[in-house]
Amino acid sequence: MSTTTGSGIALLVIGAVLAFAVKDSIAGVNLAMIGYICLGAGVLAVILGLVTNAQATRRTNVVEHRDDTV
């Protein structure tokens, strides 16, 4: 699990709390909308983290050894 995936999960939790649990209001600020934005950003971060992690594990390194003794 990469840092991006962990950050995405944190954004999902913060967004869910803001969207569904907070009932307070701040003048001029819609906390539910900020929660939905955090949820969307968290989903994108988790997907991005999983894709980059899958690509990193698919790489192979080729090591070539040459014996130039004559």
C-alpha atoms as a PDB file:
ATOM      1  CA  MET A   1       0.000   0.000   0.000  1.00  0.00           C
ATOM      2  CA  SER A   2       1.482   3.291  -1.013  1.00  0.00           C
ATOM      3  CA  THR A   3       1.258   6.708   0.578  1.00  0.00           C
ATOM      4  CA  THR A   4      -1.290   7.784  -2.014  1.00  0.00           C
ATOM      5  CA  THR A   5      -3.602   4.956  -1.015  1.00  0.00           C
ATOM      6  CA  GLY A   6      -3.317   5.852   2.669  1.00  0.00           C
ATOM      7  CA  SER A   7      -4.011   9.508   1.928  1.00  0.00           C
ATOM      8  CA  GLY A   8      -7.022   8.485  -0.139  1.00  0.00           C
ATOM      9  CA  ILE A   9      -8.433   6.435   2.725  1.00  0.00           C
ATOM     10  CA  ALA A  10      -7.934   9.388   5.079  1.00  0.00           C
ATOM     11  CA  LEU A  11      -9.767  11.657   2.626  1.00  0.00           C
ATOM     12  CA  LEU A  12     -12.598   9.128   2.398  1.00  0.00           C
ATOM     13  CA  VAL A  13     -12.993   9.073   6.182  1.00  0.00           C
ATOM     14  CA  ILE A  14     -12.861  12.866   6.522  1.00  0.00           C
ATOM     15  CA  GLY A  15     -15.284  13.289   3.637  1.00  0.00           C
ATOM     16  CA  ALA A  16     -17.735  10.758   5.054  1.00  0.00           C
ATOM     17  CA  VAL A  17     -17.699  12.466   8.442  1.00  0.00           C
ATOM     18  CA  LEU A  18     -18.265  15.879   6.883  1.00  0.00           C
ATOM     19  CA  ALA A  19     -20.940  14.668   4.473  1.00  0.00           C
ATOM     20  CA  PHE A  20     -22.983  12.435   6.767  1.00  0.00           C
ATOM     21  CA  ALA A  21     -22.227  13.154  10.434  1.00  0.00           C
ATOM     22  CA  VAL A  22     -21.685  16.890  10.832  1.00  0.00           C
ATOM     23  CA  LYS A  23     -24.922  18.805  11.316  1.00  0.00           C
ATOM     24  CA  ASP A  24     -23.381  22.162  12.229  1.00  0.00           C
ATOM     25  CA  SER A  25     -23.308  24.967   9.718  1.00  0.00           C
ATOM     26  CA  ILE A  26     -20.899  27.754   8.938  1.00  0.00           C
ATOM     27  CA  ALA A  27     -22.177  30.871   7.194  1.00  0.00           C
ATOM     28  CA  GLY A  28     -21.334  30.657   3.505  1.00  0.00           C
ATOM     29  CA  VAL A  29     -19.812  27.140   3.734  1.00  0.00           C
ATOM     30  CA  ASN A  30     -21.654  23.960   2.802  1.00  0.00           C
ATOM     31  CA  LEU A  31     -19.904  21.278   4.875  1.00  0.00           C
ATOM     32  CA  ALA A  32     -21.796  18.458   3.147  1.00  0.00           C
ATOM     33  CA  MET A  33     -20.500  19.589  -0.246  1.00  0.00           C
ATOM     34  CA  ILE A  34     -16.940  19.776   1.101  1.00  0.00           C
ATOM     35  CA  GLY A  35     -17.453  16.233   2.390  1.00  0.00           C
ATOM     36  CA  TYR A  36     -18.579  15.017  -1.026  1.00  0.00           C
ATOM     37  CA  ILE A  37     -15.564  16.696  -2.640  1.00  0.00           C
ATOM     38  CA  CYS A  38     -13.262  14.963  -0.140  1.00  0.00           C
ATOM     39  CA  LEU A  39     -14.978  11.653  -0.861  1.00  0.00           C
ATOM     40  CA  GLY A  40     -14.407  12.098  -4.601  1.00  0.00           C
ATOM     41  CA  ALA A  41     -10.782  13.078  -4.102  1.00  0.00           C
ATOM     42  CA  GLY A  42     -10.300  10.085  -1.804  1.00  0.00           C
ATOM     43  CA  VAL A  43     -11.724   7.672  -4.361  1.00  0.00           C
ATOM     44  CA  LEU A  44      -9.432   9.092  -7.040  1.00  0.00           C
ATOM     45  CA  ALA A  45      -6.401   8.882  -4.726  1.00  0.00           C
ATOM     46  CA  VAL A  46      -7.115   5.247  -3.823  1.00  0.00           C
ATOM     47  CA  ILE A  47      -7.548   4.293  -7.487  1.00  0.00           C
ATOM     48  CA  LEU A  48      -4.379   6.164  -8.453  1.00  0.00           C
ATOM     49  CA  GLY A  49      -2.432   4.506  -5.644  1.00  0.00           C
ATOM     50  CA  LEU A  50      -3.610   1.032  -6.597  1.00  0.00           C
ATOM     51  CA  VAL A  51      -2.814   1.560 -10.285  1.00  0.00           C
ATOM     52  CA  THR A  52       0.677   2.904  -9.632  1.00  0.00           C
ATOM     53  CA  ASN A  53       1.346   0.097  -7.159  1.00  0.00           C
ATOM     54  CA  ALA A  54       0.244  -2.502  -9.718  1.00  0.00           C
ATOM     55  CA  GLN A  55       2.513  -0.977 -12.343  1.00  0.00           C
ATOM     56  CA  ALA A  56       5.486  -0.905  -9.975  1.00  0.00           C
ATOM     57  CA  THR A  57       5.169  -4.608  -9.157  1.00  0.00           C
ATOM     58  CA  ARG A  58       5.013  -5.540 -12.844  1.00  0.00           C
ATOM     59  CA  ARG A  59       8.440  -4.124 -13.643  1.00  0.00           C
ATOM     60  CA  THR A  60      11.317  -6.483 -14.182  1.00  0.00           C
ATOM     61  CA  ASN A  61      14.961  -5.572 -14.075  1.00  0.00           C
ATOM     62  CA  VAL A  62      17.340  -7.276 -16.457  1.00  0.00           C
ATOM     63  CA  VAL A  63      20.899  -7.652 -15.226  1.00  0.00           C
ATOM     64  CA  GLU A  64      23.451  -8.590 -17.830  1.00  0.00           C
ATOM     65  CA  HIS A  65      26.777 -10.071 -16.753  1.00  0.00           C
ATOM     66  CA  ARG A  66      29.619 -10.156 -19.241  1.00  0.00           C
ATOM     67  CA  ASP A  67      32.725 -12.227 -18.835  1.00  0.00           C
ATOM     68  CA  ASP A  68      35.339 -10.517 -21.025  1.00  0.00           C
ATOM     69  CA  THR A  69      38.262 -12.779 -20.168  1.00  0.00           C
ATOM     70  CA  VAL A  70      40.217 -13.878 -23.208  1.00  0.00           C
END
